[in-house]
Amino acid sequence: MTTRRHFIASLIAAGAAPRLGWAAVGSPSFLAAARDPDGTFALYGLDDAGRASFRIPLPGRGHAGAGHPHLAEAVAFARRPGLFALVLDCTSGGVLHRLTPPKGIHLNGHGVFSSNGRILFTSEQVAQTSEGRIGMWDASRGYARLGEVATGGIGPHDLRLMPDGETLIVANGGIATDPRDRRKLNVETMQPNLTYMSLAGEVLETIILDRDLHRNSIRHLAVRSDGLVGFAMQWQGEAGAAPPLLGLHRTGMAPVLAEAPLADEIAMQGYAGSIAFSGDGTEIAITSPRGGRLHRFDTGGRFLGFVSRTDICGLATRDDGYLASDGLGGLLTVQGSVVGPVNRMECAWDNHIVTL
């Protein structure tokens, strides 16, 4: 059994270790959180073939992660609403830092580094009001808290760095929640939006969906190298509805909503859990663990087809298409209409695969 003394010693040793790059841990391509068979949780590094490069225990269920652009450091975020994020040394498995937001602020499961790796941006909300915040942490000074800025919306979830390296895009989901039990408080009046922000916190552009889609919570994001943004949504309205669950947007333009044929849209059960562009950038896909489906679209919003897979959710860009994961430990590649299993591990993958 690990004693408190040994645990503290391991933290000291991890902090004193040389700061190595990703090659030191086998140059993994992806990060993914999972629940292992014994009920414990971990963050995995995965290569292109779906093999584990490393496994680091987590104190609770993880959601998404953020990989440092140069160093073998990953930030594992607690399932939202979270009160901690762990900065992990992926070479030793040690905890370098534990990020705790200020009192009254919750972490919302996602974060991203600046292009030079100096600043970590985290999705957060004010616990009592669900007002959105982006937290800023100085990775060059032990992840010291620099402060926070408003996101221009309620209940932010995913956030991404745009290709210019100077702009953040935030998915303000629009849902106000009770901090005690996550009960949704404002479904009838919610108003999700996409917000583009400067790294200093200035709101540059806000995109709001039509009034009849105000209950379509914008949750997750994908960004292509030319700045095309894809956003995945989760319907908070009546059961059995078939709203579009994928949107595409370029700055300065109106969003394009992509719809599948009615039967396929209904099969998604109003829920898109992850989103990614294909490796060549010609298409985009969303997943639904509730519906057990992956839907593919071209970047003009035309439906290309679907994949059926029980509890599929995690999705990431791979050179030849996508890497997807499911809650049964499966990892599979999707190349156009061709689906191939690449690995299966004795774990239950959580919602996301993060590309390094």
Protein backbone atom coordinates (compact mmCIF):
# COMPACT_ATOMS: atom_id res chain seq x y z
CA MET A 1 0.00 0.00 0.00
CA THR A 2 1.26 3.47 -0.88
CA THR A 3 1.86 5.49 2.29
CA ARG A 4 1.42 9.22 2.54
CA ARG A 5 5.20 9.59 2.92
CA HIS A 6 5.85 7.57 -0.24
CA PHE A 7 3.19 9.52 -2.10
CA ILE A 8 4.76 12.87 -1.17
CA ALA A 9 8.19 11.50 -2.09
CA SER A 10 6.86 10.48 -5.49
CA LEU A 11 5.57 14.02 -6.06
CA ILE A 12 8.95 15.48 -5.16
CA ALA A 13 10.72 13.03 -7.44
CA ALA A 14 8.33 13.79 -10.28
CA GLY A 15 8.89 17.51 -9.84
CA ALA A 16 12.66 17.07 -9.91
CA ALA A 17 12.77 14.81 -12.96
CA PRO A 18 14.02 16.18 -16.30
CA ARG A 19 11.23 17.56 -18.46
CA LEU A 20 11.20 15.30 -21.49
CA GLY A 21 9.29 15.40 -24.76
CA TRP A 22 6.70 12.96 -26.08
CA ALA A 23 9.35 10.80 -27.76
CA ALA A 24 10.39 9.69 -24.26
CA VAL A 25 7.06 7.85 -23.89
CA GLY A 26 6.91 6.36 -27.37
CA SER A 27 5.49 9.39 -29.19
CA PRO A 28 1.81 8.60 -28.50
CA SER A 29 -0.78 10.06 -30.83
CA PHE A 30 -3.76 10.22 -28.50
CA LEU A 31 -4.95 10.58 -24.90
CA ALA A 32 -8.06 8.84 -23.57
CA ALA A 33 -9.57 8.37 -20.12
CA ALA A 34 -11.06 5.02 -19.11
CA ARG A 35 -12.52 2.95 -16.30
CA ASP A 36 -10.58 -0.26 -15.67
CA PRO A 37 -12.17 -3.62 -14.75
CA ASP A 38 -11.50 -3.17 -11.03
CA GLY A 39 -13.50 0.07 -11.02
CA THR A 40 -10.50 2.40 -10.90
CA PHE A 41 -9.83 5.12 -13.46
CA ALA A 42 -6.82 6.01 -15.59
CA LEU A 43 -5.51 8.19 -18.39
CA TYR A 44 -3.98 6.29 -21.31
CA GLY A 45 -1.60 7.34 -24.03
CA LEU A 46 -2.32 5.52 -27.30
CA ASP A 47 -0.34 5.12 -30.51
CA ASP A 48 -1.85 5.01 -34.01
CA ALA A 49 -2.41 1.27 -33.67
CA GLY A 50 -4.42 1.70 -30.48
CA ARG A 51 -1.67 0.30 -28.25
CA ALA A 52 -1.10 1.82 -24.82
CA SER A 53 2.08 3.90 -24.54
CA PHE A 54 1.40 4.64 -20.88
CA ARG A 55 -1.29 4.34 -18.22
CA ILE A 56 -1.55 6.76 -15.29
CA PRO A 57 -4.07 6.20 -12.46
CA LEU A 58 -6.65 8.92 -11.78
CA PRO A 59 -8.45 9.52 -8.46
CA GLY A 60 -11.86 9.56 -10.14
CA ARG A 61 -13.60 9.47 -13.49
CA GLY A 62 -11.81 11.48 -16.15
CA HIS A 63 -13.43 13.26 -19.06
CA ALA A 64 -11.12 14.91 -21.57
CA GLY A 65 -7.43 15.77 -21.42
CA ALA A 66 -4.98 18.27 -22.81
CA GLY A 67 -1.50 17.39 -24.00
CA HIS A 68 1.34 19.89 -23.76
CA PRO A 69 2.54 20.72 -27.29
CA HIS A 70 6.21 19.96 -26.50
CA LEU A 71 6.61 18.25 -23.13
CA ALA A 72 5.39 14.81 -22.08
CA GLU A 73 2.84 16.41 -19.78
CA ALA A 74 -0.90 15.86 -19.87
CA VAL A 75 -3.69 17.54 -17.95
CA ALA A 76 -6.48 15.16 -16.94
CA PHE A 77 -9.80 16.83 -16.20
CA ALA A 78 -12.35 15.46 -13.76
CA ARG A 79 -15.82 14.67 -14.96
CA ARG A 80 -17.78 17.93 -14.88
CA PRO A 81 -18.55 19.73 -12.71
CA GLY A 82 -15.04 19.13 -11.44
CA LEU A 83 -13.04 20.62 -8.63
CA PHE A 84 -9.62 19.49 -9.84
CA ALA A 85 -7.41 18.80 -12.81
CA LEU A 86 -4.14 16.89 -12.57
CA VAL A 87 -0.97 17.79 -14.47
CA LEU A 88 0.72 14.44 -15.10
CA ASP A 89 4.30 13.60 -15.97
CA CYS A 90 3.71 10.96 -18.61
CA THR A 91 7.27 9.63 -18.34
CA SER A 92 7.08 8.78 -14.64
CA GLY A 93 3.34 8.70 -14.00
CA GLY A 94 3.80 11.28 -11.26
CA VAL A 95 1.48 14.12 -10.43
CA LEU A 96 3.30 17.38 -11.14
CA HIS A 97 0.52 19.73 -10.08
CA ARG A 98 -3.08 19.63 -8.93
CA LEU A 99 -5.09 22.51 -10.32
CA THR A 100 -7.84 23.73 -8.02
CA PRO A 101 -10.10 26.55 -9.24
CA PRO A 102 -11.03 29.43 -6.92
CA LYS A 103 -13.89 28.90 -4.49
CA GLY A 104 -17.24 29.04 -6.27
CA ILE A 105 -15.80 28.01 -9.65
CA HIS A 106 -16.14 24.55 -11.24
CA LEU A 107 -14.05 23.05 -14.01
CA ASN A 108 -16.10 21.80 -16.97
CA GLY A 109 -14.01 18.93 -18.29
CA HIS A 110 -11.98 20.48 -21.12
CA GLY A 111 -8.86 22.57 -21.62
CA VAL A 112 -6.28 23.53 -24.22
CA PHE A 113 -2.72 24.87 -24.24
CA SER A 114 -1.49 27.95 -26.04
CA SER A 115 0.60 27.10 -29.09
CA ASN A 116 3.87 27.68 -27.20
CA GLY A 117 2.68 25.60 -24.24
CA ARG A 118 3.06 28.40 -21.72
CA ILE A 119 -0.61 28.93 -20.84
CA LEU A 120 -3.31 26.37 -20.15
CA PHE A 121 -6.88 27.56 -20.77
CA THR A 122 -9.66 25.70 -18.93
CA SER A 123 -13.42 25.64 -19.40
CA GLU A 124 -15.14 26.70 -16.17
CA GLN A 125 -18.36 28.09 -14.76
CA VAL A 126 -19.54 29.98 -11.70
CA ALA A 127 -21.14 27.28 -9.57
CA GLN A 128 -24.22 29.22 -8.47
CA THR A 129 -25.12 30.87 -11.80
CA SER A 130 -23.41 28.68 -14.46
CA GLU A 131 -21.92 31.83 -16.02
CA GLY A 132 -19.04 30.82 -18.24
CA ARG A 133 -15.40 31.45 -17.45
CA ILE A 134 -12.09 30.58 -19.08
CA GLY A 135 -9.40 29.96 -16.48
CA MET A 136 -5.79 30.75 -17.32
CA TRP A 137 -2.82 28.94 -15.76
CA ASP A 138 0.87 29.70 -16.29
CA ALA A 139 2.48 26.37 -17.16
CA SER A 140 5.92 27.97 -17.11
CA ARG A 141 5.49 28.84 -13.40
CA GLY A 142 4.11 25.64 -11.99
CA TYR A 143 0.63 26.26 -13.41
CA ALA A 144 0.06 29.31 -11.24
CA ARG A 145 -3.43 30.72 -11.66
CA LEU A 146 -3.37 33.88 -13.77
CA GLY A 147 -7.08 34.63 -13.51
CA GLU A 148 -10.21 34.10 -15.56
CA VAL A 149 -12.31 35.84 -18.20
CA ALA A 150 -16.01 35.59 -19.09
CA THR A 151 -16.98 33.37 -22.04
CA GLY A 152 -20.03 35.36 -23.09
CA GLY A 153 -22.43 32.55 -22.29
CA ILE A 154 -23.77 29.96 -19.86
CA GLY A 155 -22.35 26.51 -19.17
CA PRO A 156 -19.27 26.38 -21.43
CA HIS A 157 -17.95 22.93 -22.21
CA ASP A 158 -15.40 22.36 -24.97
CA LEU A 159 -12.88 24.98 -26.11
CA ARG A 160 -10.24 24.93 -28.83
CA LEU A 161 -7.36 27.04 -30.07
CA MET A 162 -7.85 28.33 -33.60
CA PRO A 163 -5.09 27.79 -36.21
CA ASP A 164 -3.91 31.41 -35.90
CA GLY A 165 -2.76 30.59 -32.37
CA GLU A 166 -4.32 33.84 -31.17
CA THR A 167 -8.01 32.97 -30.91
CA LEU A 168 -10.04 30.62 -28.73
CA ILE A 169 -13.42 29.22 -29.67
CA VAL A 170 -15.76 28.23 -26.84
CA ALA A 171 -18.86 26.03 -26.90
CA ASN A 172 -21.24 27.78 -24.50
CA GLY A 173 -23.75 24.99 -23.96
CA GLY A 174 -26.41 27.31 -22.56
CA ILE A 175 -27.52 25.03 -19.73
CA ALA A 176 -27.62 26.36 -16.18
CA THR A 177 -27.23 23.53 -13.67
CA ASP A 178 -27.72 23.06 -9.95
CA PRO A 179 -24.18 22.70 -8.51
CA ARG A 180 -25.36 20.02 -6.08
CA ASP A 181 -26.93 17.52 -8.46
CA ARG A 182 -26.42 18.85 -12.04
CA ARG A 183 -30.18 19.31 -12.44
CA LYS A 184 -30.94 21.48 -15.47
CA LEU A 185 -32.58 24.75 -14.43
CA ASN A 186 -33.28 26.71 -17.60
CA VAL A 187 -34.16 24.37 -20.45
CA GLU A 188 -37.07 26.55 -21.57
CA THR A 189 -34.96 29.71 -21.75
CA MET A 190 -31.48 28.39 -22.56
CA GLN A 191 -29.52 30.03 -25.38
CA PRO A 192 -26.33 28.27 -26.43
CA ASN A 193 -23.72 30.02 -28.53
CA LEU A 194 -20.31 29.76 -30.12
CA THR A 195 -17.96 32.47 -28.93
CA TYR A 196 -14.64 33.43 -30.54
CA MET A 197 -12.30 35.15 -28.08
CA SER A 198 -8.83 36.63 -28.09
CA LEU A 199 -6.36 35.00 -25.71
CA ALA A 200 -6.73 38.09 -23.52
CA GLY A 201 -10.48 37.48 -23.18
CA GLU A 202 -11.97 39.93 -25.70
CA VAL A 203 -15.10 38.55 -27.38
CA LEU A 204 -14.56 38.75 -31.15
CA GLU A 205 -17.67 37.05 -32.54
CA THR A 206 -20.73 35.26 -31.16
CA ILE A 207 -22.92 32.81 -33.09
CA ILE A 208 -26.45 32.08 -31.83
CA LEU A 209 -28.71 29.44 -33.39
CA ASP A 210 -32.23 30.17 -34.61
CA ARG A 211 -34.88 30.44 -31.90
CA ASP A 212 -36.42 27.04 -32.69
CA LEU A 213 -33.05 25.42 -31.87
CA HIS A 214 -32.46 27.26 -28.60
CA ARG A 215 -32.61 23.92 -26.73
CA ASN A 216 -29.84 22.42 -28.89
CA SER A 217 -26.88 22.65 -26.52
CA ILE A 218 -23.55 23.27 -28.27
CA ARG A 219 -21.11 20.91 -26.54
CA HIS A 220 -18.04 19.84 -28.51
CA LEU A 221 -15.77 21.29 -31.16
CA ALA A 222 -13.41 20.33 -33.97
CA VAL A 223 -11.24 22.78 -35.90
CA ARG A 224 -9.72 22.19 -39.35
CA SER A 225 -6.33 23.67 -40.24
CA ASP A 226 -7.94 26.40 -42.38
CA GLY A 227 -10.20 27.58 -39.55
CA LEU A 228 -13.40 25.70 -40.42
CA VAL A 229 -15.13 24.85 -37.13
CA GLY A 230 -17.41 21.90 -36.53
CA PHE A 231 -19.70 21.85 -33.49
CA ALA A 232 -21.63 18.94 -32.01
CA MET A 233 -24.93 19.46 -30.20
CA GLN A 234 -27.16 17.71 -27.66
CA TRP A 235 -30.91 18.23 -27.77
CA GLN A 236 -32.59 19.24 -24.50
CA GLY A 237 -36.14 19.35 -25.87
CA GLU A 238 -38.88 16.81 -26.31
CA ALA A 239 -37.95 13.14 -26.76
CA GLY A 240 -38.27 11.73 -30.27
CA ALA A 241 -37.37 15.00 -32.00
CA ALA A 242 -34.80 14.92 -34.75
CA PRO A 243 -32.90 18.24 -34.70
CA PRO A 244 -29.59 18.60 -36.53
CA LEU A 245 -26.70 17.63 -34.25
CA LEU A 246 -23.82 18.96 -36.35
CA GLY A 247 -22.99 22.52 -37.34
CA LEU A 248 -20.19 24.05 -39.42
CA HIS A 249 -18.97 27.60 -39.16
CA ARG A 250 -16.42 30.05 -40.53
CA THR A 251 -15.80 33.41 -38.91
CA GLY A 252 -17.89 36.16 -40.44
CA MET A 253 -20.40 33.75 -41.99
CA ALA A 254 -23.68 32.13 -40.99
CA PRO A 255 -23.48 28.59 -39.59
CA VAL A 256 -24.40 25.60 -41.74
CA LEU A 257 -26.47 22.91 -40.00
CA ALA A 258 -25.94 19.37 -41.28
CA GLU A 259 -28.85 16.95 -41.16
CA ALA A 260 -29.01 13.21 -41.72
CA PRO A 261 -32.08 11.55 -43.24
CA LEU A 262 -34.95 11.52 -40.76
CA ALA A 263 -34.64 7.87 -39.68
CA ASP A 264 -30.89 8.26 -39.15
CA GLU A 265 -31.33 11.49 -37.24
CA ILE A 266 -33.92 9.92 -34.96
CA ALA A 267 -31.55 7.00 -34.32
CA MET A 268 -29.00 9.40 -32.81
CA GLN A 269 -31.46 10.05 -29.95
CA GLY A 270 -30.72 13.76 -29.90
CA TYR A 271 -27.17 13.32 -28.68
CA ALA A 272 -23.76 13.89 -30.27
CA GLY A 273 -20.96 12.96 -27.88
CA SER A 274 -17.78 13.64 -29.88
CA ILE A 275 -16.73 15.26 -33.15
CA ALA A 276 -13.66 15.20 -35.43
CA PHE A 277 -12.53 16.02 -38.94
CA SER A 278 -11.09 13.20 -41.03
CA GLY A 279 -7.34 13.15 -41.59
CA ASP A 280 -7.57 14.63 -45.08
CA GLY A 281 -10.08 17.25 -43.92
CA THR A 282 -12.69 16.37 -46.55
CA GLU A 283 -15.29 15.13 -44.09
CA ILE A 284 -16.41 15.39 -40.49
CA ALA A 285 -18.09 12.91 -38.15
CA ILE A 286 -20.06 12.87 -34.91
CA THR A 287 -20.83 9.99 -32.57
CA SER A 288 -23.77 9.04 -30.37
CA PRO A 289 -23.25 6.51 -27.56
CA ARG A 290 -27.01 6.60 -26.91
CA GLY A 291 -27.79 5.66 -30.48
CA GLY A 292 -24.72 3.50 -31.03
CA ARG A 293 -23.92 5.36 -34.23
CA LEU A 294 -21.27 7.40 -36.01
CA HIS A 295 -22.49 9.79 -38.71
CA ARG A 296 -20.25 11.07 -41.52
CA PHE A 297 -20.79 14.28 -43.48
CA ASP A 298 -18.84 16.18 -46.10
CA THR A 299 -17.73 19.67 -45.11
CA GLY A 300 -20.65 21.20 -46.95
CA GLY A 301 -23.02 19.38 -44.59
CA ARG A 302 -24.09 16.51 -46.90
CA PHE A 303 -24.72 13.17 -45.15
CA LEU A 304 -22.30 10.45 -46.28
CA GLY A 305 -23.32 7.46 -44.21
CA PHE A 306 -23.24 5.87 -40.76
CA VAL A 307 -21.47 3.24 -38.70
CA SER A 308 -23.29 1.16 -36.09
CA ARG A 309 -21.32 0.40 -32.93
CA THR A 310 -22.59 -0.19 -29.40
CA ASP A 311 -21.72 2.69 -27.02
CA ILE A 312 -19.43 4.42 -29.52
CA CYS A 313 -18.36 7.90 -28.41
CA GLY A 314 -14.64 8.77 -28.48
CA LEU A 315 -13.53 10.18 -31.84
CA ALA A 316 -10.29 11.68 -33.10
CA THR A 317 -8.60 12.59 -36.36
CA ARG A 318 -6.31 9.93 -37.80
CA ASP A 319 -4.16 10.32 -40.92
CA ASP A 320 -6.34 7.94 -42.94
CA GLY A 321 -9.68 8.84 -41.38
CA TYR A 322 -10.74 8.56 -37.73
CA LEU A 323 -9.98 6.65 -34.57
CA ALA A 324 -13.07 5.83 -32.50
CA SER A 325 -13.60 4.17 -29.13
CA ASP A 326 -16.49 2.54 -27.30
CA GLY A 327 -17.49 1.77 -23.74
CA LEU A 328 -16.59 -1.91 -24.16
CA GLY A 329 -12.87 -1.29 -24.63
CA GLY A 330 -12.92 -1.31 -28.41
CA LEU A 331 -10.80 0.92 -30.64
CA LEU A 332 -11.58 1.08 -34.35
CA THR A 333 -10.57 2.98 -37.44
CA VAL A 334 -13.05 4.50 -39.85
CA GLN A 335 -11.80 5.17 -43.39
CA GLY A 336 -14.69 6.33 -45.52
CA SER A 337 -17.22 3.52 -45.29
CA VAL A 338 -14.58 0.98 -44.23
CA VAL A 339 -14.47 0.14 -40.51
CA GLY A 340 -11.69 -1.91 -38.96
CA PRO A 341 -11.00 -2.95 -35.36
CA VAL A 342 -7.47 -2.02 -34.30
CA ASN A 343 -7.41 -3.08 -30.66
CA ARG A 344 -9.53 -4.00 -27.69
CA MET A 345 -8.49 -3.36 -24.10
CA GLU A 346 -9.96 -4.47 -20.80
CA CYS A 347 -11.43 -1.09 -19.96
CA ALA A 348 -14.40 1.12 -20.68
CA TRP A 349 -13.32 4.16 -22.67
CA ASP A 350 -14.83 7.48 -21.61
CA ASN A 351 -16.33 10.06 -23.95
CA HIS A 352 -13.29 11.48 -25.71
CA ILE A 353 -10.05 10.77 -27.52
CA VAL A 354 -7.71 13.75 -27.56
CA THR A 355 -5.21 14.11 -30.40
CA LEU A 356 -1.66 15.02 -29.43
